[in-house]
Protein backbone atom coordinates (compact mmCIF):
# COMPACT_ATOMS: atom_id res chain seq x y z
CA MET A 1 1.35 0.85 -30.99
CA ALA A 2 3.05 -2.52 -30.78
CA GLY A 3 5.67 -1.56 -28.22
CA LYS A 4 9.08 -3.14 -27.80
CA GLN A 5 9.88 -4.61 -24.41
CA GLU A 6 13.42 -4.01 -23.24
CA ALA A 7 15.71 -6.52 -21.52
CA ASN A 8 14.92 -7.58 -17.97
CA PRO A 9 16.27 -4.78 -15.74
CA PHE A 10 15.86 -6.99 -12.67
CA LEU A 11 18.09 -9.88 -13.77
CA GLY A 12 20.80 -9.20 -11.20
CA ARG A 13 18.25 -9.04 -8.41
CA ARG A 14 16.67 -12.29 -9.63
CA ILE A 15 20.03 -14.06 -9.44
CA PHE A 16 20.53 -12.71 -5.92
CA LEU A 17 17.07 -13.95 -4.89
CA LEU A 18 17.78 -17.35 -6.45
CA ARG A 19 21.05 -17.64 -4.55
CA SER A 20 19.35 -16.63 -1.29
CA GLU A 21 16.63 -19.22 -1.90
CA LEU A 22 19.29 -21.90 -2.39
CA GLY A 23 21.04 -20.79 0.80
CA LEU A 24 24.39 -20.35 -0.95
CA THR A 25 27.11 -17.75 -0.60
CA GLN A 26 28.48 -16.05 -3.69
CA SER A 27 31.58 -18.23 -3.51
CA GLU A 28 29.54 -21.44 -3.21
CA LEU A 29 27.29 -20.63 -6.17
CA ALA A 30 30.26 -19.46 -8.21
CA ASP A 31 31.94 -22.83 -7.59
CA LYS A 32 28.83 -24.74 -8.68
CA LEU A 33 28.71 -22.69 -11.89
CA GLY A 34 32.40 -23.23 -12.56
CA PHE A 35 33.33 -19.56 -12.25
CA GLY A 36 36.94 -18.82 -11.48
CA SER A 37 36.00 -16.48 -8.63
CA ARG A 38 32.99 -15.05 -6.87
CA GLN A 39 33.66 -11.66 -8.51
CA SER A 40 32.13 -12.94 -11.73
CA LEU A 41 28.90 -13.78 -9.90
CA GLN A 42 29.08 -10.52 -8.00
CA GLN A 43 29.14 -8.67 -11.33
CA LEU A 44 26.03 -10.55 -12.48
CA GLU A 45 24.13 -9.68 -9.31
CA ALA A 46 25.16 -6.04 -9.68
CA ASP A 47 24.07 -5.99 -13.36
CA GLU A 48 27.63 -5.11 -14.34
CA ARG A 49 27.80 -7.78 -17.03
CA LYS A 50 25.36 -9.82 -19.11
CA LEU A 51 24.30 -13.35 -18.33
CA SER A 52 25.34 -15.74 -21.09
CA VAL A 53 22.96 -18.36 -22.45
CA GLU A 54 25.18 -21.12 -21.07
CA GLU A 55 25.18 -19.54 -17.61
CA MET A 56 21.41 -19.15 -17.66
CA LEU A 57 20.95 -22.81 -18.59
CA GLN A 58 23.23 -23.79 -15.71
CA LEU A 59 21.21 -21.67 -13.29
CA MET A 60 17.95 -23.13 -14.59
CA GLU A 61 19.22 -26.68 -14.08
CA LEU A 62 20.60 -25.90 -10.64
CA SER A 63 17.55 -24.06 -9.32
CA GLY A 64 14.64 -25.47 -11.29
CA LYS A 65 13.65 -21.93 -12.28
CA SER A 66 11.92 -21.34 -15.60
CA PHE A 67 13.31 -19.48 -18.60
CA GLU A 68 10.82 -16.68 -17.85
CA TYR A 69 12.29 -16.20 -14.39
CA PHE A 70 15.42 -14.81 -15.99
CA THR A 71 13.88 -13.03 -18.99
CA ASP A 72 10.44 -11.72 -18.00
CA PRO A 73 10.63 -8.54 -15.88
CA PHE A 74 6.89 -8.77 -15.14
CA LEU A 75 7.02 -12.20 -13.53
CA TRP A 76 6.32 -11.95 -9.80
CA ASP A 77 9.55 -13.01 -8.17
CA GLY A 78 8.33 -13.04 -4.59
CA ASP A 79 10.57 -10.13 -3.61
CA GLY A 80 8.31 -8.56 -1.01
CA GLN A 81 6.48 -9.27 2.22
CA PHE A 82 2.69 -9.03 2.17
CA SER A 83 0.48 -8.09 5.07
CA PHE A 84 -3.28 -8.36 4.62
CA ARG A 85 -5.80 -6.45 6.71
CA SER A 86 -8.52 -9.02 7.24
CA SER A 87 -10.45 -10.87 9.90
CA ASP A 88 -11.74 -13.90 8.02
CA ALA A 89 -9.86 -14.44 4.75
CA ASP A 90 -8.47 -17.94 4.20
CA ALA A 91 -4.98 -18.85 3.00
CA GLU A 92 -6.15 -19.64 -0.53
CA GLN A 93 -7.68 -16.17 -0.93
CA LEU A 94 -4.50 -14.53 0.32
CA ASN A 95 -2.25 -16.58 -1.96
CA THR A 96 -4.41 -15.96 -5.02
CA PHE A 97 -4.53 -12.22 -4.49
CA GLU A 98 -0.80 -12.06 -3.69
CA GLN A 99 0.05 -13.68 -7.02
CA LYS A 100 -2.27 -11.31 -8.88
CA ALA A 101 -1.04 -8.23 -7.04
CA GLY A 102 2.55 -9.37 -7.56
CA GLY A 103 2.07 -8.84 -11.28
CA TRP A 104 0.91 -5.28 -10.66
CA ILE A 105 3.89 -4.67 -8.39
CA MET A 106 6.34 -5.90 -11.02
CA LEU A 107 4.74 -3.63 -13.62
CA TRP A 108 5.14 -0.69 -11.24
CA ARG A 109 8.79 -1.55 -10.55
CA TRP A 110 9.44 -1.78 -14.28
CA LEU A 111 7.70 1.56 -14.93
CA ARG A 112 9.77 3.19 -12.22
CA VAL A 113 12.94 2.04 -14.00
CA VAL A 114 12.03 2.78 -17.62
CA ASN A 115 10.37 6.12 -16.78
CA GLU A 116 13.31 7.03 -14.53
CA CYS A 117 11.04 7.93 -11.63
CA PRO A 118 12.98 9.56 -8.78
CA VAL A 119 13.55 7.47 -5.68
CA ARG A 120 11.76 9.00 -2.70
CA MET A 121 13.00 8.71 0.86
CA LEU A 122 10.46 7.77 3.50
CA PRO A 123 10.30 10.00 6.58
CA GLY A 124 11.97 8.46 9.57
CA PHE A 125 9.98 8.02 12.78
CA ASP A 126 11.60 6.75 15.94
CA LEU A 127 8.65 4.57 16.85
CA GLY A 128 8.66 1.07 18.27
CA ILE A 129 6.44 -1.35 20.11
CA ARG A 130 7.15 0.49 23.37
CA SER A 131 6.31 3.93 21.98
CA SER A 132 3.63 5.79 23.89
CA TYR A 133 0.30 6.76 22.41
CA GLU A 134 1.38 10.39 22.66
CA GLU A 135 4.53 9.72 20.62
CA VAL A 136 2.50 8.02 17.89
CA GLN A 137 0.01 10.89 17.83
CA ALA A 138 2.83 13.42 17.58
CA ALA A 139 4.36 11.50 14.65
CA ALA A 140 1.02 11.50 12.81
CA GLU A 141 0.48 15.22 13.41
CA GLN A 142 4.02 15.88 12.18
CA LEU A 143 3.34 13.92 9.00
CA VAL A 144 0.16 15.92 8.33
CA GLN A 145 2.23 19.09 8.42
CA TRP A 146 5.20 17.71 6.50
CA LEU A 147 3.06 16.38 3.66
CA GLN A 148 0.75 19.41 3.78
CA LEU A 149 -2.33 17.20 3.87
CA GLY A 150 -4.66 20.06 4.75
CA LYS A 151 -7.73 20.17 6.97
CA THR A 152 -9.20 16.92 5.63
CA PRO A 153 -6.17 14.64 5.13
CA ALA A 154 -8.23 11.75 3.77
CA ALA A 155 -9.07 13.80 0.69
CA THR A 156 -5.44 14.09 -0.40
CA LEU A 157 -3.53 11.29 1.35
CA GLY A 158 -3.42 8.74 -1.47
CA ALA A 159 -2.31 11.17 -4.16
CA VAL A 160 0.28 12.77 -1.89
CA LEU A 161 1.79 9.41 -0.91
CA GLU A 162 2.24 8.56 -4.58
CA ARG A 163 3.73 11.84 -5.72
CA GLU A 164 5.75 12.80 -2.65
CA LEU A 165 6.82 9.43 -1.23
CA GLY A 166 6.62 7.23 -4.32
CA ILE A 167 4.21 4.77 -2.67
CA PRO A 168 1.55 3.59 -5.13
CA VAL A 169 -1.92 3.40 -3.60
CA LEU A 170 -3.88 0.98 -5.77
CA TYR A 171 -7.65 0.67 -5.46
CA ALA A 172 -8.42 -2.85 -6.55
CA ASP A 173 -11.04 -5.57 -6.71
CA ILE A 174 -9.87 -7.42 -3.63
CA PRO A 175 -11.62 -10.57 -2.37
CA GLN A 176 -14.39 -9.99 0.14
CA GLY A 177 -13.04 -10.10 3.67
CA ILE A 178 -9.77 -8.35 2.78
CA SER A 179 -10.03 -4.59 3.24
CA GLY A 180 -6.45 -3.71 2.43
CA ALA A 181 -2.90 -4.95 2.04
CA THR A 182 0.67 -3.76 1.93
CA CYS A 183 3.68 -5.19 0.13
CA HIS A 184 6.96 -4.18 1.74
CA SER A 185 10.29 -4.48 -0.04
CA LEU A 186 13.62 -2.71 -0.28
CA ARG A 187 12.54 -2.12 -3.89
CA GLY A 188 9.61 -0.02 -2.71
CA ASN A 189 6.29 -0.32 -0.93
CA VAL A 190 2.82 -0.66 -2.44
CA ILE A 191 -0.50 -0.22 -0.63
CA PHE A 192 -3.70 -1.89 -1.86
CA VAL A 193 -7.18 -0.77 -0.84
CA ASN A 194 -10.41 -2.68 -1.46
CA ARG A 195 -12.30 -0.24 -3.65
CA HIS A 196 -15.64 -1.85 -2.79
CA ASP A 197 -15.44 -0.95 0.90
CA VAL A 198 -17.26 2.16 2.11
CA GLN A 199 -15.34 5.42 1.93
CA GLY A 200 -14.68 5.75 5.66
CA ARG A 201 -13.26 2.23 5.85
CA ARG A 202 -11.09 2.77 2.77
CA ASN A 203 -9.58 5.93 4.19
CA PHE A 204 -8.91 4.44 7.61
CA ASP A 205 -7.33 1.33 6.11
CA LEU A 206 -5.03 3.45 3.95
CA ALA A 207 -3.80 5.42 6.97
CA HIS A 208 -3.46 2.19 8.98
CA GLU A 209 -1.37 0.56 6.24
CA LEU A 210 0.80 3.68 6.00
CA PHE A 211 1.76 3.19 9.64
CA HIS A 212 2.98 -0.30 8.82
CA VAL A 213 4.97 1.00 5.85
CA LEU A 214 6.71 3.60 8.02
CA THR A 215 7.43 1.24 10.93
CA TRP A 216 7.96 -2.08 9.15
CA LYS A 217 11.56 -2.48 10.28
CA GLU A 218 10.73 -1.94 13.95
CA MET A 219 7.27 -3.53 14.02
CA PRO A 220 6.70 -5.83 11.03
CA PRO A 221 3.04 -6.86 10.86
CA GLU A 222 1.85 -10.42 10.47
CA ARG A 223 0.91 -11.72 7.02
CA LEU A 224 -2.68 -11.78 8.23
CA ASP A 225 -3.17 -8.49 10.06
CA ARG A 226 -6.31 -9.13 12.11
CA ASP A 227 -8.35 -6.44 13.85
CA ASP A 228 -8.27 -8.48 17.08
CA PRO A 229 -5.00 -10.45 17.26
CA GLU A 230 -4.44 -12.78 20.21
CA ASP A 231 -0.72 -12.06 20.64
CA LYS A 232 -0.10 -9.17 23.04
CA SER A 233 2.69 -7.69 20.94
CA ALA A 234 0.47 -7.79 17.86
CA GLN A 235 -2.37 -6.21 19.85
CA ARG A 236 -0.06 -3.37 20.84
CA ARG A 237 1.16 -2.86 17.26
CA GLU A 238 -2.38 -2.74 15.89
CA THR A 239 -3.48 -0.33 18.60
CA LEU A 240 -0.61 2.00 17.70
CA ALA A 241 -1.51 1.71 14.01
CA ASN A 242 -5.11 2.67 14.73
CA ILE A 243 -4.06 5.61 16.89
CA PHE A 244 -1.75 6.79 14.11
CA ALA A 245 -4.51 6.47 11.51
CA SER A 246 -7.05 8.27 13.68
CA THR A 247 -4.70 11.17 14.38
CA LEU A 248 -3.55 11.43 10.77
CA LEU A 249 -7.10 11.59 9.41
CA MET A 250 -8.48 13.83 12.16
CA PRO A 251 -5.81 16.37 13.18
CA GLU A 252 -6.22 17.74 16.70
CA THR A 253 -6.42 21.37 15.56
CA GLU A 254 -9.36 20.66 13.28
CA VAL A 255 -11.22 18.48 15.79
CA ARG A 256 -10.70 21.09 18.51
CA ALA A 257 -12.08 23.85 16.29
CA MET A 258 -15.15 21.77 15.46
CA TRP A 259 -15.77 20.86 19.10
CA SER A 260 -15.34 24.44 20.31
CA MET A 261 -17.74 25.76 17.69
CA HIS A 262 -20.47 23.39 18.90
CA PHE A 263 -19.76 22.95 22.62
CA GLY A 264 -17.29 25.62 23.72
CA ARG A 265 -15.22 24.30 26.61
CA GLY A 266 -17.69 21.61 27.58
CA ARG A 267 -16.47 18.08 28.23
CA ASP A 268 -18.29 14.75 28.22
CA ILE A 269 -21.65 16.38 27.66
CA PRO A 270 -24.72 15.03 25.83
CA ILE A 271 -24.06 14.87 22.07
CA GLU A 272 -26.59 14.66 19.29
CA LEU A 273 -25.94 12.21 16.48
CA ASP A 274 -26.05 15.10 14.00
CA PHE A 275 -22.72 16.34 15.37
CA LEU A 276 -21.15 12.92 14.82
CA HIS A 277 -22.55 12.80 11.29
CA THR A 278 -21.11 16.25 10.58
CA GLY A 279 -17.68 15.37 11.94
CA ALA A 280 -17.45 12.04 10.16
CA ASP A 281 -18.58 13.59 6.89
CA TYR A 282 -16.03 16.41 7.21
CA PHE A 283 -13.08 14.09 7.87
CA LEU A 284 -14.32 11.35 5.50
CA VAL A 285 -14.26 8.69 8.20
CA SER A 286 -16.90 6.55 9.90
CA GLU A 287 -18.93 7.90 12.82
CA GLU A 288 -17.34 5.29 15.08
CA ALA A 289 -13.84 6.45 14.12
CA PHE A 290 -14.82 10.04 14.88
CA VAL A 291 -16.24 9.01 18.27
CA TRP A 292 -13.00 7.29 19.29
CA ARG A 293 -11.00 10.31 18.18
CA LEU A 294 -13.09 12.41 20.58
CA VAL A 295 -12.22 9.92 23.32
CA SER A 296 -8.48 10.13 22.57
CA LEU A 297 -8.65 13.93 22.84
CA GLU A 298 -10.58 13.58 26.14
CA TYR A 299 -13.66 15.40 24.91
CA ILE A 300 -15.86 12.47 25.88
CA SER A 301 -15.45 9.43 28.12
CA LYS A 302 -15.19 5.85 26.95
CA GLU A 303 -18.55 5.11 28.57
CA ASN A 304 -20.16 7.96 26.66
CA ALA A 305 -18.50 6.72 23.46
CA LEU A 306 -19.92 3.22 23.83
CA GLN A 307 -23.41 4.66 24.33
CA LEU A 308 -23.01 6.86 21.25
CA ILE A 309 -21.82 3.94 19.12
CA GLY A 310 -24.83 1.93 20.26
CA ARG A 311 -27.11 4.77 19.17
CA ILE A 312 -25.31 5.02 15.82
CA GLN A 313 -25.71 1.32 15.17
CA ALA A 314 -29.38 1.43 16.12
CA ALA A 315 -30.08 4.46 13.93
CA GLY A 316 -27.89 3.46 10.99
CA SER A 317 -25.19 5.63 9.45
CA ALA A 318 -26.31 9.00 8.12
CA VAL A 319 -22.91 10.11 6.88
CA GLU A 320 -23.29 11.69 3.46
CA GLN A 321 -20.10 10.28 1.96
CA SER A 322 -19.72 9.32 -1.65
CA ALA A 323 -21.11 5.89 -2.45
CA ALA A 324 -19.22 5.80 -5.73
CA VAL A 325 -16.67 3.02 -6.18
CA PRO A 326 -13.21 4.51 -6.85
CA ALA A 327 -11.73 3.97 -10.29
CA LEU A 328 -9.33 1.06 -10.69
CA PHE A 329 -5.76 1.46 -9.48
CA SER A 330 -4.87 5.17 -9.32
CA ARG A 331 -4.49 8.18 -11.55
CA PHE A 332 -0.75 8.38 -10.86
CA PHE A 333 -0.21 4.71 -11.70
CA LEU A 334 -2.06 5.00 -15.02
CA GLU A 335 -0.20 8.21 -15.86
CA GLN A 336 3.11 6.37 -15.46
CA LEU A 337 1.82 3.50 -17.58
CA ALA A 338 0.77 5.98 -20.27
CA VAL A 339 4.32 7.35 -20.47
CA ALA A 340 5.66 3.88 -21.28
CA LEU A 341 2.85 3.11 -23.74
CA VAL A 342 3.27 6.37 -25.66
CA ALA A 343 7.05 5.84 -25.81
CA GLY A 344 6.49 2.38 -27.30
CA LYS A 345 8.30 0.63 -24.46
CA LEU A 346 5.38 -1.69 -23.81
CA SER A 347 2.49 -2.99 -25.89
CA VAL A 348 -1.08 -2.24 -24.90
CA ARG A 349 -2.00 -5.92 -24.85
CA ARG A 350 0.95 -6.78 -22.62
CA ALA A 351 0.03 -3.98 -20.23
CA ALA A 352 -3.61 -5.09 -20.10
CA LYS A 353 -2.59 -8.70 -19.51
CA GLN A 354 -0.28 -7.67 -16.68
CA LEU A 355 -3.13 -5.78 -15.03
CA THR A 356 -5.47 -8.77 -15.55
CA LEU A 357 -7.73 -6.58 -17.69
CA SER A 358 -8.99 -6.68 -21.24
CA VAL A 359 -7.88 -3.85 -23.52
CA ASP A 360 -11.41 -2.46 -23.33
CA GLU A 361 -11.27 -2.49 -19.53
CA LEU A 362 -7.91 -0.71 -19.59
CA GLU A 363 -9.41 1.95 -21.84
CA GLU A 364 -12.33 2.33 -19.43
CA ALA A 365 -9.90 2.76 -16.51
CA TYR A 366 -8.36 5.76 -18.27
CA HIS A 367 -11.81 7.21 -18.92
CA THR A 368 -12.91 6.84 -15.30
CA HIS A 369 -9.77 8.67 -14.14
CA ASP A 370 -10.58 11.40 -16.70
CA LEU A 371 -7.27 10.73 -18.47
CA THR A 372 -6.54 10.68 -22.18
CA VAL A 373 -6.40 7.10 -23.43
CA PRO A 374 -2.76 6.63 -24.54
CA PHE A 375 -3.54 4.15 -27.32
CA ASP A 376 -5.88 3.63 -30.27
CA MET A 377 -8.38 0.79 -30.20
């Protein structure tokens, strides 16, 4: 199916972004364009009237923007703040991936418009840099209940975020050294996970990035979100994010039940590695993450935890988690793309190009998600 692309639904927003980049008020830009009043520009930014060819040429000359900036809805317009979870990625790697991921984000924004996806409201948490660990843990436990994530939240978190909160969780081929990323914007958030990381790391990174999505206004992360930042405020923010992720993935009720079944009311007692393997496998996290959750719930001491982690590292992980690499992007994302493809709103080749895939690779992505391929080869 050839597909017919509709007009750019983001034109008004693009003009607003252009004006902001130029540092001009509506009145100032309206004067430069020869408009009689700023209301005419205001109507353009609100998509209440069409941009004439003459006006577009004026804007191109004034701003240096390309023709595609005004006409191509899939062109990454920079409308979003990225934060990368990494310890050693360089600026070139970050910039290259941001440009690539920006194309995926624009495709998602376009799909949300043409498929008339409902706008989801994010839950509000009154958390800030001065919030206590207990407050962060309570917020995570509350979210587990509100989203009905079940006994093993990691198993359902990604799909629930997409369907209930409208946050795409895209498993992608991310450069080595970057385990995850988030793009925050008033036009919606997107979380990226390195699909080549081990399962426990992928799940923890997703929960960690979710914390940043929910608290971006109060505690915006750095562009390079290191595991061990030097700034004290950043250290505090990352500690809170890790506590949130740990609590979200390993709810207290479930950990308590597991501990009681094995050790009754015992505290800080000798633990066999088999118990850590069992717990990590159940919650789909790493053994180290499970150990630190036991510390936070005061089942073991920090000294005991460090000894256990040393034993784990010496013995090697025995967690029986899936070694399979997740399919590209997500089932929900490809389902939304299929709606547009079947309706003829987008060509298969244009969709594949936007995803930086060949048509054959796009077909394979549908197969690996066990979805019907929405086009003929």
